[in-house]
């Protein structure tokens, strides 16, 4: 998946105080089990903390967020059409796995991640964790986990 090849290289090197995350992965208990099964060479240098916020989404809420997206990227406009017709989170996750978002503008990415919500982002994390081969893959997952956690925190204030 070429989801977050955007700026995750900044995270481990600490080039930006905003993006430096100290190599801590906020994983659910199920995600931690998958992480723990990775080779020691991949896990080296990463710390794991438990994601303690839970959010239950609905198809109606997700579709409402999709309808509110203000997108400019033609690929994301097409994605929105297809995602609104999806009947399961798994379908949306599969569509996301087939996309390359590296050239998508930050504004569109923000809209997209908000519309996807934490539940679909969790599905993406699950898929990505199952395919980890490099430290860069974990850095990409780390970036997605930060986004998910931000959405989860925001959902607690609603």
C-alpha atoms as a PDB file:
ATOM      1  CA  UNK A   1       0.000   0.000   0.000  1.00  0.00           C
ATOM      2  CA  UNK A   2       1.300   3.405  -0.915  1.00  0.00           C
ATOM      3  CA  UNK A   3      -0.864   5.231   1.542  1.00  0.00           C
ATOM      4  CA  UNK A   4       1.428   7.359   3.625  1.00  0.00           C
ATOM      5  CA  UNK A   5       4.733   7.693   1.868  1.00  0.00           C
ATOM      6  CA  UNK A   6       4.173  11.380   2.437  1.00  0.00           C
ATOM      7  CA  UNK A   7       6.160  12.597   5.407  1.00  0.00           C
ATOM      8  CA  UNK A   8       6.750   9.587   7.595  1.00  0.00           C
ATOM      9  CA  UNK A   9      10.495   9.843   6.931  1.00  0.00           C
ATOM     10  CA  UNK A  10      10.514  12.892   9.212  1.00  0.00           C
ATOM     11  CA  UNK A  11       9.207  10.972  12.184  1.00  0.00           C
ATOM     12  CA  UNK A  12      12.172   8.832  13.085  1.00  0.00           C
ATOM     13  CA  UNK A  13      14.803  11.389  12.146  1.00  0.00           C
ATOM     14  CA  UNK A  14      13.222  14.192  14.113  1.00  0.00           C
ATOM     15  CA  UNK A  15      13.576  16.740  11.322  1.00  0.00           C
ATOM     16  CA  UNK A  16      10.387  18.458  12.398  1.00  0.00           C
ATOM     17  CA  UNK A  17       9.374  19.059  15.982  1.00  0.00           C
ATOM     18  CA  UNK A  18       5.741  18.804  14.935  1.00  0.00           C
ATOM     19  CA  UNK A  19       6.055  15.402  13.308  1.00  0.00           C
ATOM     20  CA  UNK A  20       8.607  13.824  15.623  1.00  0.00           C
ATOM     21  CA  UNK A  21       6.764  11.043  17.407  1.00  0.00           C
ATOM     22  CA  UNK A  22       9.506   9.322  19.406  1.00  0.00           C
ATOM     23  CA  UNK A  23       8.815   6.012  17.662  1.00  0.00           C
ATOM     24  CA  UNK A  24       5.771   5.170  19.763  1.00  0.00           C
ATOM     25  CA  UNK A  25       2.989   3.176  18.124  1.00  0.00           C
ATOM     26  CA  UNK A  26      -0.496   3.597  19.622  1.00  0.00           C
ATOM     27  CA  UNK A  27      -1.895   0.130  18.937  1.00  0.00           C
ATOM     28  CA  UNK A  28      -5.059  -1.665  19.954  1.00  0.00           C
ATOM     29  CA  UNK A  29      -4.573  -4.947  21.781  1.00  0.00           C
ATOM     30  CA  UNK A  30      -5.235  -6.897  18.559  1.00  0.00           C
ATOM     31  CA  UNK A  31      -2.772  -4.754  16.622  1.00  0.00           C
ATOM     32  CA  UNK A  32      -0.178  -5.255  19.363  1.00  0.00           C
ATOM     33  CA  UNK A  33      -0.431  -9.026  18.894  1.00  0.00           C
ATOM     34  CA  UNK A  34       0.379  -8.643  15.206  1.00  0.00           C
ATOM     35  CA  UNK A  35       3.236  -6.250  15.988  1.00  0.00           C
ATOM     36  CA  UNK A  36       4.635  -8.628  18.623  1.00  0.00           C
ATOM     37  CA  UNK A  37       4.797 -11.391  15.999  1.00  0.00           C
ATOM     38  CA  UNK A  38       7.047  -9.297  13.720  1.00  0.00           C
ATOM     39  CA  UNK A  39      10.759 -10.104  13.553  1.00  0.00           C
ATOM     40  CA  UNK A  40      12.845  -8.514  16.315  1.00  0.00           C
ATOM     41  CA  UNK A  41      14.836  -6.571  13.716  1.00  0.00           C
ATOM     42  CA  UNK A  42      11.660  -4.731  12.651  1.00  0.00           C
ATOM     43  CA  UNK A  43      10.441  -4.095  16.187  1.00  0.00           C
ATOM     44  CA  UNK A  44      13.782  -2.701  17.294  1.00  0.00           C
ATOM     45  CA  UNK A  45      13.544   0.971  18.206  1.00  0.00           C
ATOM     46  CA  UNK A  46       9.738   1.043  18.400  1.00  0.00           C
ATOM     47  CA  UNK A  47       7.750   1.423  21.590  1.00  0.00           C
ATOM     48  CA  UNK A  48       4.129   0.373  21.869  1.00  0.00           C
ATOM     49  CA  UNK A  49       1.412   2.037  23.887  1.00  0.00           C
ATOM     50  CA  UNK A  50      -2.172   0.866  24.004  1.00  0.00           C
ATOM     51  CA  UNK A  51      -4.801   2.879  22.153  1.00  0.00           C
ATOM     52  CA  UNK A  52      -7.479   3.204  24.802  1.00  0.00           C
ATOM     53  CA  UNK A  53     -10.115   5.244  22.990  1.00  0.00           C
ATOM     54  CA  UNK A  54     -12.844   3.301  21.226  1.00  0.00           C
ATOM     55  CA  UNK A  55     -15.200   4.652  18.597  1.00  0.00           C
ATOM     56  CA  UNK A  56     -18.103   2.900  16.932  1.00  0.00           C
ATOM     57  CA  UNK A  57     -18.978   4.282  13.524  1.00  0.00           C
ATOM     58  CA  UNK A  58     -22.022   3.709  11.357  1.00  0.00           C
ATOM     59  CA  UNK A  59     -22.508   3.536   7.615  1.00  0.00           C
ATOM     60  CA  UNK A  60     -24.832   6.528   7.824  1.00  0.00           C
ATOM     61  CA  UNK A  61     -22.302   8.650   9.716  1.00  0.00           C
ATOM     62  CA  UNK A  62     -19.484   7.679   7.372  1.00  0.00           C
ATOM     63  CA  UNK A  63     -21.561   8.498   4.298  1.00  0.00           C
ATOM     64  CA  UNK A  64     -22.540  11.834   5.826  1.00  0.00           C
ATOM     65  CA  UNK A  65     -18.850  12.660   6.299  1.00  0.00           C
ATOM     66  CA  UNK A  66     -18.133  11.556   2.706  1.00  0.00           C
ATOM     67  CA  UNK A  67     -20.861  13.851   1.403  1.00  0.00           C
ATOM     68  CA  UNK A  68     -19.304  16.803   3.258  1.00  0.00           C
ATOM     69  CA  UNK A  69     -15.822  16.316   1.768  1.00  0.00           C
ATOM     70  CA  UNK A  70     -14.545  19.256  -0.256  1.00  0.00           C
ATOM     71  CA  UNK A  71     -12.140  17.554  -2.616  1.00  0.00           C
ATOM     72  CA  UNK A  72     -10.162  18.760  -5.598  1.00  0.00           C
ATOM     73  CA  UNK A  73      -8.173  15.671  -6.574  1.00  0.00           C
ATOM     74  CA  UNK A  74      -9.917  13.731  -9.397  1.00  0.00           C
ATOM     75  CA  UNK A  75      -8.758  10.389  -7.966  1.00  0.00           C
ATOM     76  CA  UNK A  76     -10.350  11.201  -4.591  1.00  0.00           C
ATOM     77  CA  UNK A  77     -13.543  12.431  -6.234  1.00  0.00           C
ATOM     78  CA  UNK A  78     -13.849   9.038  -7.952  1.00  0.00           C
ATOM     79  CA  UNK A  79     -12.965   7.281  -4.690  1.00  0.00           C
ATOM     80  CA  UNK A  80     -15.769   9.154  -2.897  1.00  0.00           C
ATOM     81  CA  UNK A  81     -18.303   7.985  -5.490  1.00  0.00           C
ATOM     82  CA  UNK A  82     -17.232   4.382  -5.020  1.00  0.00           C
ATOM     83  CA  UNK A  83     -16.899   4.591  -1.240  1.00  0.00           C
ATOM     84  CA  UNK A  84     -20.400   5.998  -0.822  1.00  0.00           C
ATOM     85  CA  UNK A  85     -21.726   2.878  -2.552  1.00  0.00           C
ATOM     86  CA  UNK A  86     -19.663   0.518  -0.389  1.00  0.00           C
ATOM     87  CA  UNK A  87     -21.704  -1.589   1.991  1.00  0.00           C
ATOM     88  CA  UNK A  88     -18.855  -2.492   4.341  1.00  0.00           C
ATOM     89  CA  UNK A  89     -15.768  -0.972   5.871  1.00  0.00           C
ATOM     90  CA  UNK A  90     -13.734  -3.785   4.350  1.00  0.00           C
ATOM     91  CA  UNK A  91     -14.712  -2.619   0.856  1.00  0.00           C
ATOM     92  CA  UNK A  92     -13.500   0.890   1.616  1.00  0.00           C
ATOM     93  CA  UNK A  93     -10.261  -0.425   3.116  1.00  0.00           C
ATOM     94  CA  UNK A  94      -9.636  -2.471  -0.026  1.00  0.00           C
ATOM     95  CA  UNK A  95     -10.207   0.606  -2.201  1.00  0.00           C
ATOM     96  CA  UNK A  96      -7.777   2.584  -0.059  1.00  0.00           C
ATOM     97  CA  UNK A  97      -5.122  -0.113  -0.345  1.00  0.00           C
ATOM     98  CA  UNK A  98      -5.182   0.261  -4.110  1.00  0.00           C
ATOM     99  CA  UNK A  99      -4.593   4.026  -4.021  1.00  0.00           C
ATOM    100  CA  UNK A 100      -1.358   5.979  -4.116  1.00  0.00           C
ATOM    101  CA  UNK A 101      -1.859   9.142  -2.089  1.00  0.00           C
ATOM    102  CA  UNK A 102       1.681  10.492  -2.236  1.00  0.00           C
ATOM    103  CA  UNK A 103       0.783  13.239  -4.707  1.00  0.00           C
ATOM    104  CA  UNK A 104      -2.489  14.269  -3.039  1.00  0.00           C
ATOM    105  CA  UNK A 105      -2.572  17.773  -1.543  1.00  0.00           C
ATOM    106  CA  UNK A 106      -2.613  18.097   2.244  1.00  0.00           C
ATOM    107  CA  UNK A 107      -6.060  19.731   2.229  1.00  0.00           C
ATOM    108  CA  UNK A 108      -7.540  16.769   0.365  1.00  0.00           C
ATOM    109  CA  UNK A 109      -5.763  14.306   2.666  1.00  0.00           C
ATOM    110  CA  UNK A 110      -7.226  16.019   5.726  1.00  0.00           C
ATOM    111  CA  UNK A 111     -10.699  15.818   4.239  1.00  0.00           C
ATOM    112  CA  UNK A 112     -10.182  12.183   3.298  1.00  0.00           C
ATOM    113  CA  UNK A 113      -8.939  11.009   6.691  1.00  0.00           C
ATOM    114  CA  UNK A 114     -11.718  12.832   8.510  1.00  0.00           C
ATOM    115  CA  UNK A 115     -14.313  11.240   6.229  1.00  0.00           C
ATOM    116  CA  UNK A 116     -12.807   7.774   6.583  1.00  0.00           C
ATOM    117  CA  UNK A 117     -12.955   8.023  10.362  1.00  0.00           C
ATOM    118  CA  UNK A 118     -11.138   5.940  12.955  1.00  0.00           C
ATOM    119  CA  UNK A 119     -12.893   2.657  12.137  1.00  0.00           C
ATOM    120  CA  UNK A 120     -11.716   2.526   8.530  1.00  0.00           C
ATOM    121  CA  UNK A 121      -8.285   3.793   9.564  1.00  0.00           C
ATOM    122  CA  UNK A 122      -8.128   0.858  11.973  1.00  0.00           C
ATOM    123  CA  UNK A 123      -8.878  -1.472   9.060  1.00  0.00           C
ATOM    124  CA  UNK A 124      -6.039   0.147   7.110  1.00  0.00           C
ATOM    125  CA  UNK A 125      -3.676  -0.265  10.043  1.00  0.00           C
ATOM    126  CA  UNK A 126      -4.630  -3.942  10.306  1.00  0.00           C
ATOM    127  CA  UNK A 127      -3.952  -4.474   6.598  1.00  0.00           C
ATOM    128  CA  UNK A 128      -0.671  -2.586   6.721  1.00  0.00           C
ATOM    129  CA  UNK A 129       0.561  -4.377   9.860  1.00  0.00           C
ATOM    130  CA  UNK A 130      -0.078  -7.694   8.160  1.00  0.00           C
ATOM    131  CA  UNK A 131       2.189  -6.660   5.288  1.00  0.00           C
ATOM    132  CA  UNK A 132       5.087  -4.988   7.144  1.00  0.00           C
ATOM    133  CA  UNK A 133       8.463  -5.718   5.610  1.00  0.00           C
ATOM    134  CA  UNK A 134      10.570  -2.666   6.453  1.00  0.00           C
ATOM    135  CA  UNK A 135      11.022   0.000   9.078  1.00  0.00           C
ATOM    136  CA  UNK A 136       9.604   2.466   6.548  1.00  0.00           C
ATOM    137  CA  UNK A 137       6.379   0.430   6.556  1.00  0.00           C
ATOM    138  CA  UNK A 138       6.193   0.882  10.337  1.00  0.00           C
ATOM    139  CA  UNK A 139       6.860   4.612   9.957  1.00  0.00           C
ATOM    140  CA  UNK A 140       3.925   4.812   7.533  1.00  0.00           C
ATOM    141  CA  UNK A 141       1.736   2.957  10.026  1.00  0.00           C
ATOM    142  CA  UNK A 142       2.924   5.304  12.766  1.00  0.00           C
ATOM    143  CA  UNK A 143       1.758   8.306  10.732  1.00  0.00           C
ATOM    144  CA  UNK A 144      -1.633   6.684  10.216  1.00  0.00           C
ATOM    145  CA  UNK A 145      -1.881   5.868  13.933  1.00  0.00           C
ATOM    146  CA  UNK A 146      -1.304   9.516  14.833  1.00  0.00           C
ATOM    147  CA  UNK A 147      -4.127  10.524  12.508  1.00  0.00           C
ATOM    148  CA  UNK A 148      -6.405   7.845  13.941  1.00  0.00           C
ATOM    149  CA  UNK A 149      -5.627   8.875  17.509  1.00  0.00           C
ATOM    150  CA  UNK A 150      -6.366  12.517  16.693  1.00  0.00           C
ATOM    151  CA  UNK A 151      -9.734  11.511  15.254  1.00  0.00           C
ATOM    152  CA  UNK A 152     -10.466   9.327  18.268  1.00  0.00           C
ATOM    153  CA  UNK A 153      -9.636  12.159  20.645  1.00  0.00           C
ATOM    154  CA  UNK A 154     -11.869  14.519  18.681  1.00  0.00           C
ATOM    155  CA  UNK A 155     -14.713  11.991  18.789  1.00  0.00           C
ATOM    156  CA  UNK A 156     -14.607  12.074  22.591  1.00  0.00           C
ATOM    157  CA  UNK A 157     -15.516  15.769  22.544  1.00  0.00           C
ATOM    158  CA  UNK A 158     -18.701  15.309  20.544  1.00  0.00           C
END
